[in-house]
Amino acid sequence: MPINSLALFILKVFLWLPLCYWGWYYTANETTLAIAYLTEILLSSSFPLLISGIEQVSTHFDIVVNITLPAAQVPKGMVAELPIPINPLIYSHGLPLGLSLILASPFSYCKTQLNLVLILLISIPFQIFGICFEFMKTLFLQTPKELTSHVKLYSWQLDGIAVGYQMGALVLPTIIPIIIWLFLYRDFIVQFVPTLQKTINKP
């Protein structure tokens, strides 16, 4: 690919980026509602006696957990609950870049629209992955043990939660949209590196 074409592509990505970030944040209330619903289904099935529900507040939501407290500390007729605040946007912050890459790539109405839908749908499981591990990290690694004494976890499970949280918060939100774009536009990308074209066409 000529240098001027590469520069034009990069320029298009940067021009699309602010608009994609605006759209990502403008629709955050609606996407948070959908993510909260799916997260509640997953966590309620995984921890049926632990999760009381999820309460959305704008672009954030609280995962409400049933905790253990001595009966004397709980007013009569009330239940001991702990809200764990979650910001789901943390786990989709790389999505606007993925959308920008698709919009800056060669345009075909049907293909572009399909790829935009695909990257949105494929990103959802990874976003929920990060949310669930933040929830478990907060509850099982940062909350006083006496509040979750009704849940027993092994040390290797706690280590897995710590690793999963790091992956879900620091790695996946950044690389997943790029990986999806690389897969969807691999024929376009090989133009940047001609040697890749030879490798692909090699019998």
N, C-alpha and C. Protein backbone atom coordinates (compact mmCIF):
# COMPACT_ATOMS: atom_id res chain seq x y z
N MET A 1 0.85 -1.19 0.00
CA MET A 1 0.00 0.00 0.00
C MET A 1 0.89 1.25 0.00
N PRO A 2 0.62 2.21 -0.88
CA PRO A 2 1.42 3.43 -0.90
C PRO A 2 1.37 4.14 0.44
N ILE A 3 2.45 4.88 0.71
CA ILE A 3 2.55 5.59 1.98
C ILE A 3 1.40 6.58 2.15
N ASN A 4 1.03 7.28 1.05
CA ASN A 4 -0.04 8.27 1.17
C ASN A 4 -1.38 7.60 1.50
N SER A 5 -1.59 6.35 1.02
CA SER A 5 -2.83 5.63 1.34
C SER A 5 -2.85 5.23 2.81
N LEU A 6 -1.70 4.82 3.33
CA LEU A 6 -1.60 4.46 4.75
C LEU A 6 -1.86 5.69 5.61
N ALA A 7 -1.27 6.81 5.23
CA ALA A 7 -1.48 8.06 5.99
C ALA A 7 -2.94 8.47 5.94
N LEU A 8 -3.60 8.28 4.79
CA LEU A 8 -5.01 8.62 4.66
C LEU A 8 -5.86 7.73 5.58
N PHE A 9 -5.53 6.45 5.64
CA PHE A 9 -6.27 5.53 6.50
C PHE A 9 -6.14 5.95 7.97
N ILE A 10 -4.91 6.26 8.40
CA ILE A 10 -4.69 6.68 9.78
C ILE A 10 -5.45 7.97 10.08
N LEU A 11 -5.45 8.90 9.12
CA LEU A 11 -6.18 10.15 9.30
C LEU A 11 -7.67 9.89 9.45
N LYS A 12 -8.21 8.97 8.65
CA LYS A 12 -9.63 8.64 8.72
C LYS A 12 -9.97 8.03 10.09
N VAL A 13 -9.07 7.20 10.61
CA VAL A 13 -9.31 6.60 11.93
C VAL A 13 -9.42 7.70 12.99
N PHE A 14 -8.49 8.66 12.95
CA PHE A 14 -8.50 9.74 13.94
C PHE A 14 -9.71 10.66 13.76
N LEU A 15 -10.19 10.82 12.54
CA LEU A 15 -11.37 11.65 12.31
C LEU A 15 -12.64 10.96 12.82
N TRP A 16 -12.70 9.65 12.68
CA TRP A 16 -13.87 8.90 13.14
C TRP A 16 -13.87 8.72 14.66
N LEU A 17 -12.70 8.74 15.27
CA LEU A 17 -12.59 8.39 16.69
C LEU A 17 -13.44 9.27 17.61
N PRO A 18 -13.40 10.60 17.50
CA PRO A 18 -14.24 11.42 18.40
C PRO A 18 -15.72 11.13 18.25
N LEU A 19 -16.18 10.92 17.01
CA LEU A 19 -17.59 10.64 16.78
C LEU A 19 -17.99 9.29 17.39
N CYS A 20 -17.10 8.31 17.27
CA CYS A 20 -17.38 6.99 17.83
C CYS A 20 -17.39 7.02 19.35
N TYR A 21 -16.49 7.79 19.95
CA TYR A 21 -16.51 7.94 21.40
C TYR A 21 -17.78 8.65 21.86
N TRP A 22 -18.22 9.64 21.11
CA TRP A 22 -19.45 10.33 21.46
C TRP A 22 -20.64 9.37 21.40
N GLY A 23 -20.72 8.58 20.31
CA GLY A 23 -21.82 7.63 20.18
C GLY A 23 -21.78 6.56 21.26
N TRP A 24 -20.57 6.10 21.59
CA TRP A 24 -20.39 5.09 22.64
C TRP A 24 -20.90 5.61 23.98
N TYR A 25 -20.58 6.85 24.30
CA TYR A 25 -21.01 7.40 25.59
C TYR A 25 -22.47 7.84 25.54
N TYR A 26 -22.92 8.34 24.40
CA TYR A 26 -24.30 8.82 24.28
C TYR A 26 -25.29 7.66 24.47
N THR A 27 -24.92 6.47 24.03
CA THR A 27 -25.81 5.31 24.15
C THR A 27 -25.49 4.47 25.39
N ALA A 28 -24.68 5.00 26.30
CA ALA A 28 -24.21 4.22 27.45
C ALA A 28 -25.35 3.78 28.36
N ASN A 29 -26.37 4.61 28.53
CA ASN A 29 -27.49 4.24 29.39
C ASN A 29 -28.18 2.97 28.88
N GLU A 30 -28.42 2.93 27.56
CA GLU A 30 -29.12 1.79 26.97
C GLU A 30 -28.23 0.54 26.99
N THR A 31 -26.97 0.71 26.65
CA THR A 31 -26.08 -0.47 26.64
C THR A 31 -25.84 -0.98 28.06
N THR A 32 -25.78 -0.06 29.02
CA THR A 32 -25.62 -0.49 30.42
C THR A 32 -26.83 -1.29 30.88
N LEU A 33 -28.01 -0.90 30.45
CA LEU A 33 -29.22 -1.64 30.81
C LEU A 33 -29.15 -3.07 30.29
N ALA A 34 -28.72 -3.23 29.04
CA ALA A 34 -28.62 -4.57 28.46
C ALA A 34 -27.53 -5.39 29.16
N ILE A 35 -26.37 -4.76 29.41
CA ILE A 35 -25.27 -5.46 30.06
C ILE A 35 -25.65 -5.86 31.48
N ALA A 36 -26.34 -4.97 32.19
CA ALA A 36 -26.77 -5.28 33.56
C ALA A 36 -27.72 -6.47 33.57
N TYR A 37 -28.62 -6.52 32.60
CA TYR A 37 -29.58 -7.63 32.51
C TYR A 37 -28.85 -8.95 32.28
N LEU A 38 -27.92 -8.98 31.34
CA LEU A 38 -27.19 -10.21 31.05
C LEU A 38 -26.28 -10.60 32.22
N THR A 39 -25.67 -9.61 32.86
CA THR A 39 -24.82 -9.89 34.01
C THR A 39 -25.61 -10.48 35.16
N GLU A 40 -26.81 -9.95 35.38
CA GLU A 40 -27.65 -10.46 36.46
C GLU A 40 -28.03 -11.92 36.21
N ILE A 41 -28.35 -12.25 34.97
CA ILE A 41 -28.69 -13.64 34.65
C ILE A 41 -27.51 -14.56 34.93
N LEU A 42 -26.31 -14.15 34.50
CA LEU A 42 -25.12 -14.97 34.68
C LEU A 42 -24.76 -15.13 36.15
N LEU A 43 -24.71 -14.03 36.89
CA LEU A 43 -24.31 -14.10 38.29
C LEU A 43 -25.37 -14.79 39.15
N SER A 44 -26.63 -14.57 38.84
CA SER A 44 -27.69 -15.21 39.62
C SER A 44 -27.67 -16.72 39.44
N SER A 45 -27.31 -17.18 38.24
CA SER A 45 -27.22 -18.62 38.02
C SER A 45 -25.95 -19.20 38.61
N SER A 46 -24.89 -18.39 38.69
CA SER A 46 -23.62 -18.87 39.26
C SER A 46 -23.62 -18.81 40.78
N PHE A 47 -24.25 -17.77 41.34
CA PHE A 47 -24.32 -17.59 42.80
C PHE A 47 -25.78 -17.38 43.20
N PRO A 48 -26.62 -18.41 43.11
CA PRO A 48 -28.07 -18.23 43.31
C PRO A 48 -28.46 -17.70 44.68
N LEU A 49 -27.69 -18.01 45.73
CA LEU A 49 -28.04 -17.57 47.07
C LEU A 49 -27.33 -16.28 47.47
N LEU A 50 -26.48 -15.80 46.58
CA LEU A 50 -25.63 -14.65 46.92
C LEU A 50 -26.14 -13.35 46.33
N ILE A 51 -26.66 -13.41 45.09
CA ILE A 51 -27.06 -12.20 44.37
C ILE A 51 -28.51 -11.85 44.67
N SER A 52 -28.72 -10.63 45.14
CA SER A 52 -30.07 -10.14 45.40
C SER A 52 -30.66 -9.46 44.18
N GLY A 53 -29.82 -8.84 43.37
CA GLY A 53 -30.29 -8.16 42.17
C GLY A 53 -29.29 -7.13 41.71
N ILE A 54 -29.60 -6.45 40.63
CA ILE A 54 -28.75 -5.38 40.09
C ILE A 54 -29.59 -4.13 39.93
N GLU A 55 -29.08 -3.02 40.42
CA GLU A 55 -29.78 -1.74 40.35
C GLU A 55 -28.96 -0.76 39.52
N GLN A 56 -29.53 -0.29 38.41
CA GLN A 56 -28.82 0.62 37.52
C GLN A 56 -29.02 2.06 37.94
N VAL A 57 -27.92 2.82 37.88
CA VAL A 57 -27.95 4.26 38.12
C VAL A 57 -27.18 4.91 36.97
N SER A 58 -27.91 5.43 35.98
CA SER A 58 -27.31 6.06 34.81
C SER A 58 -26.42 5.05 34.09
N THR A 59 -25.13 5.36 33.93
CA THR A 59 -24.23 4.46 33.20
C THR A 59 -23.52 3.49 34.14
N HIS A 60 -23.90 3.47 35.40
CA HIS A 60 -23.32 2.55 36.38
C HIS A 60 -24.42 1.64 36.91
N PHE A 61 -24.02 0.60 37.60
CA PHE A 61 -25.01 -0.19 38.32
C PHE A 61 -24.38 -0.81 39.56
N ASP A 62 -25.24 -1.17 40.50
CA ASP A 62 -24.81 -1.82 41.73
C ASP A 62 -25.27 -3.27 41.71
N ILE A 63 -24.34 -4.18 41.97
CA ILE A 63 -24.70 -5.57 42.17
C ILE A 63 -24.95 -5.76 43.66
N VAL A 64 -26.18 -6.07 44.01
CA VAL A 64 -26.57 -6.16 45.42
C VAL A 64 -26.39 -7.61 45.89
N VAL A 65 -25.59 -7.75 46.96
CA VAL A 65 -25.20 -9.08 47.44
C VAL A 65 -25.77 -9.31 48.83
N ASN A 66 -26.26 -10.52 49.07
CA ASN A 66 -26.68 -10.92 50.42
C ASN A 66 -25.44 -11.27 51.24
N ILE A 67 -25.28 -10.63 52.38
CA ILE A 67 -24.10 -10.87 53.21
C ILE A 67 -24.51 -11.45 54.56
N THR A 68 -23.53 -11.93 55.29
CA THR A 68 -23.79 -12.53 56.60
C THR A 68 -23.41 -11.56 57.71
N LEU A 69 -24.35 -11.29 58.60
CA LEU A 69 -24.12 -10.46 59.77
C LEU A 69 -24.84 -11.10 60.96
N PRO A 70 -24.32 -10.89 62.16
CA PRO A 70 -25.05 -11.39 63.33
C PRO A 70 -26.46 -10.83 63.36
N ALA A 71 -27.43 -11.65 63.78
CA ALA A 71 -28.83 -11.25 63.79
C ALA A 71 -29.06 -9.97 64.58
N ALA A 72 -28.25 -9.77 65.63
CA ALA A 72 -28.43 -8.59 66.48
C ALA A 72 -28.11 -7.30 65.72
N GLN A 73 -27.30 -7.38 64.64
CA GLN A 73 -26.90 -6.19 63.90
C GLN A 73 -27.85 -5.88 62.75
N VAL A 74 -28.82 -6.75 62.51
CA VAL A 74 -29.76 -6.54 61.40
C VAL A 74 -31.12 -6.17 61.96
N PRO A 75 -31.64 -4.97 61.66
CA PRO A 75 -32.97 -4.59 62.16
C PRO A 75 -34.04 -5.60 61.77
N LYS A 76 -35.01 -5.78 62.62
CA LYS A 76 -36.07 -6.74 62.39
C LYS A 76 -36.82 -6.42 61.09
N GLY A 77 -37.03 -7.44 60.29
CA GLY A 77 -37.74 -7.27 59.02
C GLY A 77 -36.86 -6.83 57.87
N MET A 78 -35.56 -6.67 58.10
CA MET A 78 -34.64 -6.23 57.05
C MET A 78 -33.63 -7.33 56.74
N VAL A 79 -33.00 -7.20 55.59
CA VAL A 79 -32.02 -8.18 55.13
C VAL A 79 -30.66 -7.49 54.98
N ALA A 80 -29.60 -8.18 55.37
CA ALA A 80 -28.25 -7.62 55.23
C ALA A 80 -27.81 -7.71 53.77
N GLU A 81 -27.58 -6.55 53.15
CA GLU A 81 -27.17 -6.52 51.75
C GLU A 81 -25.99 -5.57 51.57
N LEU A 82 -25.18 -5.88 50.57
CA LEU A 82 -24.01 -5.06 50.26
C LEU A 82 -24.03 -4.71 48.77
N PRO A 83 -24.14 -3.41 48.42
CA PRO A 83 -24.08 -3.03 47.00
C PRO A 83 -22.63 -2.91 46.53
N ILE A 84 -22.34 -3.53 45.42
CA ILE A 84 -21.00 -3.45 44.83
C ILE A 84 -21.10 -2.63 43.54
N PRO A 85 -20.55 -1.40 43.54
CA PRO A 85 -20.68 -0.53 42.36
C PRO A 85 -19.80 -1.00 41.21
N ILE A 86 -20.36 -0.95 40.01
CA ILE A 86 -19.65 -1.37 38.81
C ILE A 86 -19.81 -0.29 37.74
N ASN A 87 -18.71 0.05 37.07
CA ASN A 87 -18.76 0.94 35.91
C ASN A 87 -18.48 0.09 34.66
N PRO A 88 -19.52 -0.34 33.94
CA PRO A 88 -19.30 -1.23 32.80
C PRO A 88 -18.54 -0.60 31.64
N LEU A 89 -18.50 0.74 31.60
CA LEU A 89 -17.79 1.41 30.50
C LEU A 89 -16.29 1.13 30.54
N ILE A 90 -15.78 0.80 31.72
CA ILE A 90 -14.36 0.46 31.84
C ILE A 90 -14.02 -0.71 30.93
N TYR A 91 -14.97 -1.61 30.74
CA TYR A 91 -14.70 -2.85 30.03
C TYR A 91 -15.10 -2.80 28.56
N SER A 92 -15.42 -1.61 28.08
CA SER A 92 -15.68 -1.44 26.65
C SER A 92 -15.00 -0.19 26.10
N HIS A 93 -13.99 0.31 26.83
CA HIS A 93 -13.39 1.58 26.41
C HIS A 93 -12.64 1.48 25.09
N GLY A 94 -12.29 0.26 24.67
CA GLY A 94 -11.60 0.10 23.39
C GLY A 94 -12.54 -0.03 22.21
N LEU A 95 -13.84 -0.16 22.49
CA LEU A 95 -14.82 -0.34 21.41
C LEU A 95 -14.85 0.81 20.42
N PRO A 96 -14.82 2.09 20.87
CA PRO A 96 -14.82 3.18 19.88
C PRO A 96 -13.66 3.10 18.89
N LEU A 97 -12.50 2.64 19.35
CA LEU A 97 -11.38 2.49 18.42
C LEU A 97 -11.68 1.41 17.39
N GLY A 98 -12.27 0.29 17.83
CA GLY A 98 -12.64 -0.75 16.89
C GLY A 98 -13.65 -0.27 15.87
N LEU A 99 -14.62 0.52 16.31
CA LEU A 99 -15.61 1.08 15.39
C LEU A 99 -14.95 2.04 14.40
N SER A 100 -14.01 2.84 14.90
CA SER A 100 -13.29 3.78 14.03
C SER A 100 -12.49 3.06 12.96
N LEU A 101 -11.84 1.96 13.35
CA LEU A 101 -11.06 1.18 12.38
C LEU A 101 -11.95 0.61 11.28
N ILE A 102 -13.14 0.14 11.67
CA ILE A 102 -14.07 -0.41 10.67
C ILE A 102 -14.56 0.69 9.73
N LEU A 103 -14.92 1.83 10.29
CA LEU A 103 -15.45 2.92 9.46
C LEU A 103 -14.38 3.52 8.56
N ALA A 104 -13.11 3.42 8.98
CA ALA A 104 -12.02 3.96 8.16
C ALA A 104 -11.55 2.96 7.10
N SER A 105 -11.95 1.72 7.24
CA SER A 105 -11.56 0.68 6.27
C SER A 105 -12.42 0.80 5.02
N PRO A 106 -12.03 0.09 3.94
CA PRO A 106 -12.81 0.18 2.69
C PRO A 106 -14.30 0.00 2.94
N PHE A 107 -15.09 0.94 2.41
CA PHE A 107 -16.52 0.99 2.73
C PHE A 107 -17.33 0.16 1.75
N SER A 108 -18.19 -0.68 2.33
CA SER A 108 -19.22 -1.40 1.58
C SER A 108 -20.44 -1.38 2.50
N TYR A 109 -21.56 -0.86 2.00
CA TYR A 109 -22.69 -0.63 2.91
C TYR A 109 -23.05 -1.88 3.71
N CYS A 110 -23.27 -2.99 3.02
CA CYS A 110 -23.70 -4.22 3.71
C CYS A 110 -22.59 -4.75 4.62
N LYS A 111 -21.36 -4.82 4.09
CA LYS A 111 -20.26 -5.38 4.88
C LYS A 111 -19.94 -4.50 6.08
N THR A 112 -19.92 -3.19 5.88
CA THR A 112 -19.60 -2.28 6.98
C THR A 112 -20.66 -2.36 8.07
N GLN A 113 -21.93 -2.35 7.67
CA GLN A 113 -23.00 -2.45 8.66
C GLN A 113 -22.94 -3.77 9.42
N LEU A 114 -22.68 -4.86 8.70
CA LEU A 114 -22.59 -6.17 9.33
C LEU A 114 -21.42 -6.22 10.30
N ASN A 115 -20.28 -5.67 9.91
CA ASN A 115 -19.10 -5.70 10.77
C ASN A 115 -19.28 -4.84 12.01
N LEU A 116 -19.99 -3.72 11.88
CA LEU A 116 -20.28 -2.90 13.05
C LEU A 116 -21.14 -3.66 14.06
N VAL A 117 -22.12 -4.38 13.55
CA VAL A 117 -22.97 -5.19 14.44
C VAL A 117 -22.15 -6.32 15.06
N LEU A 118 -21.30 -6.95 14.25
CA LEU A 118 -20.50 -8.07 14.76
C LEU A 118 -19.57 -7.64 15.89
N ILE A 119 -18.89 -6.51 15.71
CA ILE A 119 -17.94 -6.08 16.75
C ILE A 119 -18.67 -5.71 18.03
N LEU A 120 -19.89 -5.16 17.90
CA LEU A 120 -20.69 -4.84 19.09
C LEU A 120 -21.10 -6.12 19.83
N LEU A 121 -21.55 -7.11 19.07
CA LEU A 121 -22.03 -8.35 19.69
C LEU A 121 -20.89 -9.18 20.27
N ILE A 122 -19.78 -9.25 19.53
CA ILE A 122 -18.65 -10.06 19.99
C ILE A 122 -18.01 -9.44 21.23
N SER A 123 -18.09 -8.13 21.36
CA SER A 123 -17.47 -7.45 22.51
C SER A 123 -18.25 -7.69 23.81
N ILE A 124 -19.53 -8.01 23.70
CA ILE A 124 -20.36 -8.14 24.90
C ILE A 124 -19.85 -9.20 25.87
N PRO A 125 -19.56 -10.44 25.43
CA PRO A 125 -19.08 -11.45 26.39
C PRO A 125 -17.80 -11.02 27.12
N PHE A 126 -16.91 -10.33 26.43
CA PHE A 126 -15.67 -9.90 27.06
C PHE A 126 -15.93 -8.78 28.07
N GLN A 127 -16.91 -7.93 27.78
CA GLN A 127 -17.28 -6.89 28.73
C GLN A 127 -17.88 -7.52 29.99
N ILE A 128 -18.75 -8.49 29.81
CA ILE A 128 -19.35 -9.17 30.96
C ILE A 128 -18.30 -9.95 31.73
N PHE A 129 -17.32 -10.51 31.04
CA PHE A 129 -16.21 -11.20 31.69
C PHE A 129 -15.51 -10.26 32.67
N GLY A 130 -15.17 -9.06 32.21
CA GLY A 130 -14.49 -8.09 33.07
C GLY A 130 -15.34 -7.67 34.25
N ILE A 131 -16.63 -7.45 34.00
CA ILE A 131 -17.55 -7.04 35.07
C ILE A 131 -17.64 -8.12 36.15
N CYS A 132 -17.80 -9.37 35.73
CA CYS A 132 -17.95 -10.47 36.69
C CYS A 132 -16.69 -10.63 37.53
N PHE A 133 -15.53 -10.48 36.92
CA PHE A 133 -14.31 -10.64 37.70
C PHE A 133 -14.06 -9.43 38.61
N GLU A 134 -14.50 -8.24 38.21
CA GLU A 134 -14.41 -7.12 39.14
C GLU A 134 -15.32 -7.36 40.35
N PHE A 135 -16.51 -7.87 40.07
CA PHE A 135 -17.45 -8.19 41.15
C PHE A 135 -16.83 -9.21 42.11
N MET A 136 -16.26 -10.29 41.57
CA MET A 136 -15.68 -11.32 42.44
C MET A 136 -14.44 -10.80 43.16
N LYS A 137 -13.67 -9.97 42.48
CA LYS A 137 -12.48 -9.38 43.13
C LYS A 137 -12.88 -8.52 44.32
N THR A 138 -13.89 -7.68 44.12
CA THR A 138 -14.34 -6.80 45.20
C THR A 138 -14.93 -7.60 46.35
N LEU A 139 -15.74 -8.59 46.01
CA LEU A 139 -16.45 -9.35 47.04
C LEU A 139 -15.54 -10.31 47.80
N PHE A 140 -14.71 -11.05 47.08
CA PHE A 140 -13.95 -12.12 47.71
C PHE A 140 -12.52 -11.74 48.11
N LEU A 141 -12.00 -10.65 47.53
CA LEU A 141 -10.63 -10.25 47.85
C LEU A 141 -10.55 -8.97 48.67
N GLN A 142 -11.57 -8.14 48.61
CA GLN A 142 -11.52 -6.85 49.29
C GLN A 142 -12.55 -6.69 50.41
N THR A 143 -13.59 -7.49 50.38
CA THR A 143 -14.62 -7.39 51.41
C THR A 143 -14.23 -8.22 52.63
N PRO A 144 -14.47 -7.72 53.85
CA PRO A 144 -14.15 -8.49 55.05
C PRO A 144 -14.72 -9.91 54.99
N LYS A 145 -13.92 -10.88 55.38
CA LYS A 145 -14.29 -12.29 55.26
C LYS A 145 -15.57 -12.63 56.01
N GLU A 146 -15.80 -11.96 57.14
CA GLU A 146 -16.99 -12.30 57.93
C GLU A 146 -18.29 -11.97 57.21
N LEU A 147 -18.24 -11.10 56.22
CA LEU A 147 -19.45 -10.76 55.47
C LEU A 147 -19.78 -11.78 54.40
N THR A 148 -18.80 -12.60 54.03
CA THR A 148 -19.02 -13.61 52.99
C THR A 148 -18.66 -15.00 53.50
N SER A 149 -18.88 -15.22 54.77
CA SER A 149 -18.49 -16.50 55.37
C SER A 149 -19.33 -17.66 54.83
N HIS A 150 -20.46 -17.35 54.19
CA HIS A 150 -21.30 -18.41 53.65
C HIS A 150 -20.82 -18.88 52.28
N VAL A 151 -19.75 -18.28 51.77
CA VAL A 151 -19.17 -18.70 50.49
C VAL A 151 -17.72 -19.12 50.74
N LYS A 152 -17.38 -20.34 50.38
CA LYS A 152 -16.04 -20.85 50.60
C LYS A 152 -15.30 -20.99 49.27
N LEU A 153 -14.13 -20.38 49.20
CA LEU A 153 -13.31 -20.47 48.00
C LEU A 153 -11.91 -20.93 48.38
N TYR A 154 -11.30 -21.73 47.49
CA TYR A 154 -9.92 -22.19 47.70
C TYR A 154 -8.95 -21.09 47.27
N SER A 155 -7.71 -21.22 47.71
CA SER A 155 -6.71 -20.20 47.39
C SER A 155 -6.47 -20.10 45.88
N TRP A 156 -6.51 -21.24 45.18
CA TRP A 156 -6.28 -21.20 43.73
C TRP A 156 -7.44 -20.47 43.02
N GLN A 157 -8.63 -20.56 43.59
CA GLN A 157 -9.76 -19.82 43.02
C GLN A 157 -9.59 -18.32 43.22
N LEU A 158 -9.07 -17.93 44.37
CA LEU A 158 -8.82 -16.51 44.63
C LEU A 158 -7.73 -15.99 43.70
N ASP A 159 -6.69 -16.81 43.47
CA ASP A 159 -5.64 -16.41 42.52
C ASP A 159 -6.21 -16.26 41.12
N GLY A 160 -7.10 -17.17 40.74
CA GLY A 160 -7.73 -17.10 39.42
C GLY A 160 -8.57 -15.84 39.27
N ILE A 161 -9.25 -15.45 40.35
CA ILE A 161 -10.05 -14.22 40.31
C ILE A 161 -9.15 -13.01 40.10
N ALA A 162 -8.01 -12.99 40.78
CA ALA A 162 -7.08 -11.86 40.63
C ALA A 162 -6.55 -11.76 39.21
N VAL A 163 -6.18 -12.90 38.62
CA VAL A 163 -5.67 -12.91 37.25
C VAL A 163 -6.77 -12.53 36.27
N GLY A 164 -7.97 -13.10 36.48
CA GLY A 164 -9.09 -12.78 35.59
C GLY A 164 -9.45 -11.30 35.61
N TYR A 165 -9.36 -10.70 36.79
CA TYR A 165 -9.65 -9.27 36.91
C TYR A 165 -8.64 -8.45 36.12
N GLN A 166 -7.36 -8.79 36.25
CA GLN A 166 -6.33 -8.06 35.52
C GLN A 166 -6.53 -8.18 34.01
N MET A 167 -6.86 -9.39 33.56
CA MET A 167 -7.12 -9.60 32.13
C MET A 167 -8.35 -8.80 31.68
N GLY A 168 -9.42 -8.89 32.46
CA GLY A 168 -10.66 -8.24 32.06
C GLY A 168 -10.61 -6.74 32.10
N ALA A 169 -9.79 -6.17 32.99
CA ALA A 169 -9.74 -4.72 33.14
C ALA A 169 -8.64 -4.06 32.31
N LEU A 170 -7.51 -4.73 32.18
CA LEU A 170 -6.34 -4.09 31.57
C LEU A 170 -6.04 -4.56 30.15
N VAL A 171 -6.35 -5.80 29.84
CA VAL A 171 -5.91 -6.38 28.56
C VAL A 171 -7.05 -6.47 27.54
N LEU A 172 -8.10 -7.19 27.88
CA LEU A 172 -9.15 -7.49 26.92
C LEU A 172 -9.86 -6.26 26.35
N PRO A 173 -10.20 -5.23 27.16
CA PRO A 173 -10.92 -4.08 26.58
C PRO A 173 -10.12 -3.37 25.49
N THR A 174 -8.79 -3.47 25.57
CA THR A 174 -7.95 -2.78 24.59
C THR A 174 -7.72 -3.61 23.34
N ILE A 175 -7.42 -4.90 23.52
CA ILE A 175 -6.99 -5.70 22.37
C ILE A 175 -8.12 -6.38 21.62
N ILE A 176 -9.24 -6.68 22.29
CA ILE A 176 -10.31 -7.43 21.63
C ILE A 176 -10.87 -6.69 20.41
N PRO A 177 -11.22 -5.38 20.51
CA PRO A 177 -11.73 -4.70 19.31
C PRO A 177 -10.72 -4.69 18.16
N ILE A 178 -9.44 -4.57 18.49
CA ILE A 178 -8.41 -4.58 17.44
C ILE A 178 -8.31 -5.95 16.80
N ILE A 179 -8.34 -7.00 17.61
CA ILE A 179 -8.28 -8.37 17.09
C ILE A 179 -9.47 -8.65 16.18
N ILE A 180 -10.66 -8.20 16.59
CA ILE A 180 -11.85 -8.40 15.76
C ILE A 180 -11.68 -7.69 14.42
N TRP A 181 -11.17 -6.46 14.47
CA TRP A 181 -10.95 -5.72 13.21
C TRP A 181 -9.92 -6.42 12.34
N LEU A 182 -8.84 -6.89 12.94
CA LEU A 182 -7.82 -7.60 12.17
C LEU A 182 -8.41 -8.82 11.46
N PHE A 183 -9.29 -9.53 12.14
CA PHE A 183 -9.91 -10.72 11.55
C PHE A 183 -10.88 -10.33 10.43
N LEU A 184 -11.67 -9.30 10.64
CA LEU A 184 -12.68 -8.92 9.66
C LEU A 184 -12.08 -8.30 8.40
N TYR A 185 -10.92 -7.66 8.55
CA TYR A 185 -10.32 -6.95 7.41
C TYR A 185 -8.92 -7.45 7.09
N ARG A 186 -8.72 -8.75 7.28
CA ARG A 186 -7.37 -9.30 7.03
C ARG A 186 -6.93 -9.13 5.57
N ASP A 187 -7.87 -9.19 4.62
CA ASP A 187 -7.49 -9.00 3.21
C ASP A 187 -7.05 -7.56 2.95
N PHE A 188 -7.64 -6.63 3.67
CA PHE A 188 -7.24 -5.22 3.53
C PHE A 188 -5.91 -4.95 4.23
N ILE A 189 -5.71 -5.60 5.37
CA ILE A 189 -4.53 -5.32 6.19
C ILE A 189 -3.25 -5.82 5.53
N VAL A 190 -3.33 -6.91 4.76
CA VAL A 190 -2.11 -7.43 4.13
C VAL A 190 -1.51 -6.43 3.15
N GLN A 191 -2.30 -5.45 2.73
CA GLN A 191 -1.76 -4.44 1.84
C GLN A 191 -0.72 -3.57 2.54
N PHE A 192 -0.79 -3.49 3.88
CA PHE A 192 0.18 -2.71 4.63
C PHE A 192 1.54 -3.39 4.64
N VAL A 193 1.53 -4.73 4.63
CA VAL A 193 2.76 -5.51 4.70
C VAL A 193 2.74 -6.50 3.54
N PRO A 194 3.34 -6.15 2.40
CA PRO A 194 3.26 -7.00 1.20
C PRO A 194 3.74 -8.43 1.43
N THR A 195 4.69 -8.64 2.34
CA THR A 195 5.20 -10.00 2.57
C THR A 195 4.10 -10.91 3.12
N LEU A 196 3.14 -10.33 3.82
CA LEU A 196 2.03 -11.13 4.32
C LEU A 196 1.19 -11.67 3.18
N GLN A 197 1.06 -10.88 2.11
CA GLN A 197 0.28 -11.32 0.96
C GLN A 197 0.92 -12.55 0.33
N LYS A 198 2.26 -12.57 0.27
CA LYS A 198 2.96 -13.72 -0.30
C LYS A 198 2.74 -14.94 0.57
N THR A 199 2.74 -14.74 1.90
CA THR A 199 2.54 -15.87 2.80
C THR A 199 1.14 -16.46 2.66
N ILE A 200 0.15 -15.57 2.51
CA ILE A 200 -1.23 -16.02 2.39
C ILE A 200 -1.45 -16.75 1.07
N ASN A 201 -0.85 -16.25 -0.01
CA ASN A 201 -1.04 -16.84 -1.33
C ASN A 201 -0.15 -18.05 -1.57
N LYS A 202 0.78 -18.30 -0.67
CA LYS A 202 1.72 -19.42 -0.83
C LYS A 202 0.98 -20.75 -0.73
N PRO A 203 1.13 -21.67 -1.71
CA PRO A 203 0.43 -22.95 -1.67
C PRO A 203 0.93 -23.83 -0.53
